[in-house]
Amino acid sequence: AGEMLLYPFEGSSAQAAGIEEGDVLLQIDGQDLDVTLPQDTIDQMLRGEVRDGNGVELTVRRARDASILTTFVPFAVVNVPSVVWRTLPDNDHLGYVQIIRFTSRTPEELRTALTELRESNVQALVLDLRNNAGGLLQESITVSDEFIGDGVLVYERDMQGETPYNASAGGLGADLPLVVLVNGGTASGAEIVAGAIQDSGRAPLIGQRTYGKGTVQQIFPLSDGSSLHVTASEWFTPAQQPLEGQGLIPDYVTEPDPDGMDVELIEAVRLLEGILAGSP
């Protein structure tokens, strides 16, 4: 079975309670952690009502010296960023960037992530778009542009015809070896990013077929309180693959591991180490 590593958000109560990046979660409120439980179930055990004295006691094995720490983490309202990043613990020359969803802050958060990783002298990047259901459309196009130096990023097709969105030179992540992680929860704006990267030949996708949402709807409220949803435009990848109902097929298809081991990330590291060593 795998281990559950913790990565507290900046300014969170877990960070204030002494939890550090890479600490291994051993117990929740004195009960041994069962790592075979679904992630959602474990997440629920770590959440609760925000009020005085309410929280959860965590026992962790410290990443820095393998000592055991038990600490009380008060429940608090967490301002969840849309992008999280780090260097990989056993491969600190590889940068890992996860985009959780596309918000108005995402392009700026991504630029911060890529700038910090470059300052850490990473030699290659993993972009994790798993379970990213999309969000703001223009922001996902802007994000694609950070990884792709030139060419078409995506086509929009509507009643008036087809509009290409083109990359501009000089993206912060455009020149480093890259792999992208996707799964069945990768949808909409996240598929636009993954499709742009795959079709431009920029990087391979690893994981499972993506969700297949490639339409944008306009919503018209009606007088009886219902609404009419009209599909206004459809999005196509640079190679004119329709996203709607199809999804993207990864270059390297993996089977999710029942014990929670991150097979996609392991495969990504293997591929990138091969590229850096000079063999495909």
Foldseek 3Di string as FASTA:
>chain_A
DDWDWDDDDPPALCVVQPRHGGWTWQDKQPHGDQLLDDPVVVVVSQADDQDPPAGIWTWTQHPPPRDIDITTGHHDDDPDDQKDKAQDPVGNLEIEIEGQEFDPCVLVVVVVRLVVSVVSNRQAYEYEQELHAYDDQVRLQSVLLLQAAWDFLKWKQFPVGIDTDIHHHDRSNNPHHYEYEYEQNRHDSSLSSQLSCVVVVNYFYEEAFYNQDFFDWDWAQDPVRRIDTDGGIGMAGRVRHGSHPGGDGTPHYDDQDSSRDPPRVVVRVVVNVCVVVPHD
